């Protein structure tokens, strides 16, 4: 399970109702945490094929992004 792949399918009305603040890799945990609190919706996980870029190919995530993602899970997951 990797929420950082950026693959999400969300109804437009629900997506517009989320007040999003994060940028970069804090965005994914914020979206997931806020969606989990919307009454009446279900979150499903489906398998995907995903092949991440290497650093040589332009991979953008670093260790700071990992800490930011953890912080966002704590902050928005309350």
N, C-alpha and C. Protein backbone atom coordinates (compact mmCIF):
# COMPACT_ATOMS: atom_id res chain seq x y z
N UNK A 1 0.85 -1.17 0.00
CA UNK A 1 0.00 0.00 0.00
C UNK A 1 0.90 1.23 0.00
N UNK A 2 0.71 2.07 -0.98
CA UNK A 2 1.53 3.28 -1.10
C UNK A 2 0.64 4.43 -1.53
N UNK A 3 0.21 5.24 -0.57
CA UNK A 3 -0.68 6.35 -0.92
C UNK A 3 0.04 7.44 -1.70
N UNK A 4 1.35 7.43 -1.73
CA UNK A 4 2.11 8.47 -2.42
C UNK A 4 2.18 8.28 -3.94
N UNK A 5 1.49 7.28 -4.48
CA UNK A 5 1.48 7.10 -5.94
C UNK A 5 0.62 8.15 -6.63
N UNK A 6 -0.21 8.84 -5.87
CA UNK A 6 -1.09 9.92 -6.36
C UNK A 6 -2.27 9.40 -7.18
N UNK A 7 -2.55 8.13 -7.14
CA UNK A 7 -3.73 7.60 -7.83
C UNK A 7 -4.91 7.65 -6.89
N UNK A 8 -5.86 8.53 -7.18
CA UNK A 8 -7.08 8.66 -6.38
C UNK A 8 -8.24 8.90 -7.34
N UNK A 9 -9.38 8.36 -7.02
CA UNK A 9 -10.61 8.62 -7.77
C UNK A 9 -11.61 9.13 -6.75
N UNK A 10 -11.96 10.41 -6.88
CA UNK A 10 -12.81 11.07 -5.89
C UNK A 10 -13.91 11.81 -6.65
N UNK A 11 -15.13 11.71 -6.15
CA UNK A 11 -16.22 12.50 -6.76
C UNK A 11 -15.87 13.98 -6.67
N UNK A 12 -16.21 14.71 -7.71
CA UNK A 12 -15.87 16.14 -7.80
C UNK A 12 -16.42 16.93 -6.63
N UNK A 13 -17.67 16.70 -6.25
CA UNK A 13 -18.27 17.47 -5.16
C UNK A 13 -17.53 17.23 -3.84
N UNK A 14 -17.09 16.01 -3.61
CA UNK A 14 -16.35 15.72 -2.39
C UNK A 14 -14.96 16.34 -2.45
N UNK A 15 -14.29 16.23 -3.58
CA UNK A 15 -12.95 16.82 -3.73
C UNK A 15 -12.98 18.33 -3.51
N UNK A 16 -14.00 18.99 -4.05
CA UNK A 16 -14.11 20.44 -3.89
C UNK A 16 -14.42 20.83 -2.45
N UNK A 17 -15.03 19.94 -1.68
CA UNK A 17 -15.39 20.27 -0.30
C UNK A 17 -14.20 20.17 0.65
N UNK A 18 -13.14 19.48 0.24
CA UNK A 18 -11.96 19.35 1.09
C UNK A 18 -11.16 20.64 1.07
N UNK A 19 -10.84 21.16 2.21
CA UNK A 19 -10.03 22.37 2.31
C UNK A 19 -8.57 21.93 2.46
N UNK A 20 -7.89 21.84 1.34
CA UNK A 20 -6.53 21.30 1.32
C UNK A 20 -5.49 22.41 1.47
N UNK A 21 -4.44 22.13 2.24
CA UNK A 21 -3.40 23.12 2.52
C UNK A 21 -2.01 22.65 2.10
N UNK A 22 -1.78 21.36 2.14
CA UNK A 22 -0.43 20.83 1.93
C UNK A 22 0.01 20.88 0.48
N UNK A 23 1.32 20.88 0.32
CA UNK A 23 1.94 20.79 -0.99
C UNK A 23 2.93 19.63 -0.94
N UNK A 24 3.48 19.28 -2.05
CA UNK A 24 4.47 18.20 -2.14
C UNK A 24 3.91 16.91 -1.56
N UNK A 25 4.69 16.20 -0.76
CA UNK A 25 4.30 14.87 -0.32
C UNK A 25 3.43 14.88 0.94
N UNK A 26 3.11 16.04 1.48
CA UNK A 26 2.13 16.14 2.56
C UNK A 26 0.71 16.09 2.03
N UNK A 27 0.56 16.32 0.74
CA UNK A 27 -0.76 16.34 0.10
C UNK A 27 -1.49 15.00 0.23
N UNK A 28 -0.80 13.91 -0.04
CA UNK A 28 -1.44 12.59 -0.04
C UNK A 28 -2.00 12.20 1.34
N UNK A 29 -1.21 12.30 2.43
CA UNK A 29 -1.79 11.96 3.73
C UNK A 29 -2.91 12.91 4.14
N UNK A 30 -2.81 14.18 3.75
CA UNK A 30 -3.88 15.13 4.08
C UNK A 30 -5.18 14.71 3.39
N UNK A 31 -5.12 14.42 2.11
CA UNK A 31 -6.31 14.01 1.36
C UNK A 31 -6.90 12.74 1.97
N UNK A 32 -6.07 11.75 2.21
CA UNK A 32 -6.54 10.47 2.74
C UNK A 32 -7.18 10.64 4.11
N UNK A 33 -6.54 11.41 5.00
CA UNK A 33 -7.09 11.63 6.35
C UNK A 33 -8.40 12.38 6.29
N UNK A 34 -8.49 13.40 5.45
CA UNK A 34 -9.73 14.18 5.37
C UNK A 34 -10.85 13.39 4.72
N UNK A 35 -10.53 12.58 3.73
CA UNK A 35 -11.56 11.72 3.12
C UNK A 35 -12.09 10.71 4.12
N UNK A 36 -11.24 10.20 4.98
CA UNK A 36 -11.65 9.21 5.98
C UNK A 36 -12.67 9.78 6.95
N UNK A 37 -12.73 11.10 7.08
CA UNK A 37 -13.67 11.74 8.01
C UNK A 37 -14.96 12.20 7.35
N UNK A 38 -15.08 12.06 6.04
CA UNK A 38 -16.31 12.46 5.35
C UNK A 38 -17.37 11.39 5.62
N UNK A 39 -18.50 11.79 6.24
CA UNK A 39 -19.53 10.78 6.55
C UNK A 39 -20.14 10.18 5.28
N UNK A 40 -20.38 8.89 5.34
CA UNK A 40 -21.11 8.23 4.26
C UNK A 40 -20.29 7.79 3.07
N UNK A 41 -18.98 8.02 3.08
CA UNK A 41 -18.20 7.53 1.93
C UNK A 41 -17.35 6.35 2.38
N UNK A 42 -17.01 5.52 1.42
CA UNK A 42 -16.15 4.38 1.68
C UNK A 42 -14.87 4.55 0.88
N UNK A 43 -13.78 4.17 1.47
CA UNK A 43 -12.50 4.21 0.78
C UNK A 43 -12.15 2.78 0.40
N UNK A 44 -11.88 2.58 -0.86
CA UNK A 44 -11.49 1.26 -1.37
C UNK A 44 -10.05 1.32 -1.85
N UNK A 45 -9.39 0.21 -1.74
CA UNK A 45 -8.04 0.11 -2.28
C UNK A 45 -8.04 -0.95 -3.38
N UNK A 46 -7.47 -0.61 -4.50
CA UNK A 46 -7.36 -1.55 -5.61
C UNK A 46 -5.90 -1.63 -6.02
N UNK A 47 -5.52 -2.77 -6.54
CA UNK A 47 -4.15 -2.95 -6.99
C UNK A 47 -3.86 -2.17 -8.26
N UNK A 48 -2.67 -1.62 -8.35
CA UNK A 48 -2.24 -0.91 -9.55
C UNK A 48 -0.83 -1.38 -9.90
N UNK A 49 -0.44 -1.11 -11.10
CA UNK A 49 0.95 -1.32 -11.50
C UNK A 49 1.63 0.04 -11.46
N UNK A 50 2.69 0.13 -10.70
CA UNK A 50 3.38 1.41 -10.54
C UNK A 50 4.87 1.15 -10.49
N UNK A 51 5.59 1.86 -11.29
CA UNK A 51 7.04 1.74 -11.31
C UNK A 51 7.62 3.13 -11.08
N UNK A 52 8.07 3.38 -9.86
CA UNK A 52 8.60 4.69 -9.51
C UNK A 52 9.90 5.01 -10.22
N UNK A 53 10.14 6.31 -10.38
CA UNK A 53 11.38 6.75 -11.01
C UNK A 53 12.56 6.54 -10.08
N UNK A 54 13.71 6.35 -10.64
CA UNK A 54 14.95 6.32 -9.86
C UNK A 54 15.42 7.76 -9.68
N UNK A 55 16.40 7.96 -8.82
CA UNK A 55 16.96 9.31 -8.67
C UNK A 55 17.58 9.79 -9.97
N UNK A 56 18.17 8.89 -10.73
CA UNK A 56 18.76 9.25 -12.02
C UNK A 56 17.69 9.72 -13.01
N UNK A 57 16.48 9.18 -12.87
CA UNK A 57 15.38 9.55 -13.77
C UNK A 57 14.61 10.78 -13.27
N UNK A 58 14.97 11.29 -12.11
CA UNK A 58 14.33 12.50 -11.60
C UNK A 58 13.41 12.29 -10.42
N UNK A 59 13.65 11.26 -9.63
CA UNK A 59 12.86 11.01 -8.44
C UNK A 59 12.92 12.25 -7.55
N UNK A 60 11.78 12.66 -7.03
CA UNK A 60 11.70 13.92 -6.30
C UNK A 60 11.66 13.78 -4.78
N UNK A 61 11.28 12.63 -4.26
CA UNK A 61 11.07 12.49 -2.82
C UNK A 61 12.40 12.29 -2.10
N UNK A 62 12.50 12.89 -0.93
CA UNK A 62 13.68 12.75 -0.09
C UNK A 62 13.25 12.46 1.34
N UNK A 63 14.20 12.35 2.23
CA UNK A 63 13.88 12.00 3.61
C UNK A 63 13.04 13.08 4.29
N UNK A 64 13.23 14.34 3.93
CA UNK A 64 12.41 15.41 4.51
C UNK A 64 10.94 15.22 4.17
N UNK A 65 10.70 14.77 2.94
CA UNK A 65 9.32 14.51 2.52
C UNK A 65 8.70 13.39 3.35
N UNK A 66 9.48 12.39 3.70
CA UNK A 66 8.98 11.31 4.55
C UNK A 66 8.57 11.81 5.91
N UNK A 67 9.39 12.67 6.52
CA UNK A 67 9.03 13.25 7.81
C UNK A 67 7.79 14.13 7.70
N UNK A 68 7.69 14.89 6.60
CA UNK A 68 6.52 15.74 6.41
C UNK A 68 5.26 14.89 6.27
N UNK A 69 5.35 13.79 5.55
CA UNK A 69 4.20 12.90 5.39
C UNK A 69 3.76 12.34 6.74
N UNK A 70 4.72 11.93 7.57
CA UNK A 70 4.38 11.42 8.90
C UNK A 70 3.72 12.51 9.73
N UNK A 71 4.27 13.72 9.68
CA UNK A 71 3.68 14.84 10.42
C UNK A 71 2.24 15.08 9.97
N UNK A 72 1.99 15.02 8.67
CA UNK A 72 0.64 15.25 8.15
C UNK A 72 -0.33 14.16 8.58
N UNK A 73 0.15 12.92 8.65
CA UNK A 73 -0.70 11.83 9.14
C UNK A 73 -1.13 12.11 10.57
N UNK A 74 -0.19 12.55 11.40
CA UNK A 74 -0.51 12.87 12.80
C UNK A 74 -1.43 14.09 12.86
N UNK A 75 -1.10 15.13 12.11
CA UNK A 75 -1.86 16.39 12.15
C UNK A 75 -3.29 16.23 11.66
N UNK A 76 -3.48 15.60 10.52
CA UNK A 76 -4.81 15.51 9.92
C UNK A 76 -5.56 14.25 10.31
N UNK A 77 -4.89 13.29 10.91
CA UNK A 77 -5.53 12.03 11.25
C UNK A 77 -6.25 12.03 12.58
N UNK A 78 -6.33 13.16 13.23
CA UNK A 78 -6.99 13.24 14.54
C UNK A 78 -8.48 13.07 14.42
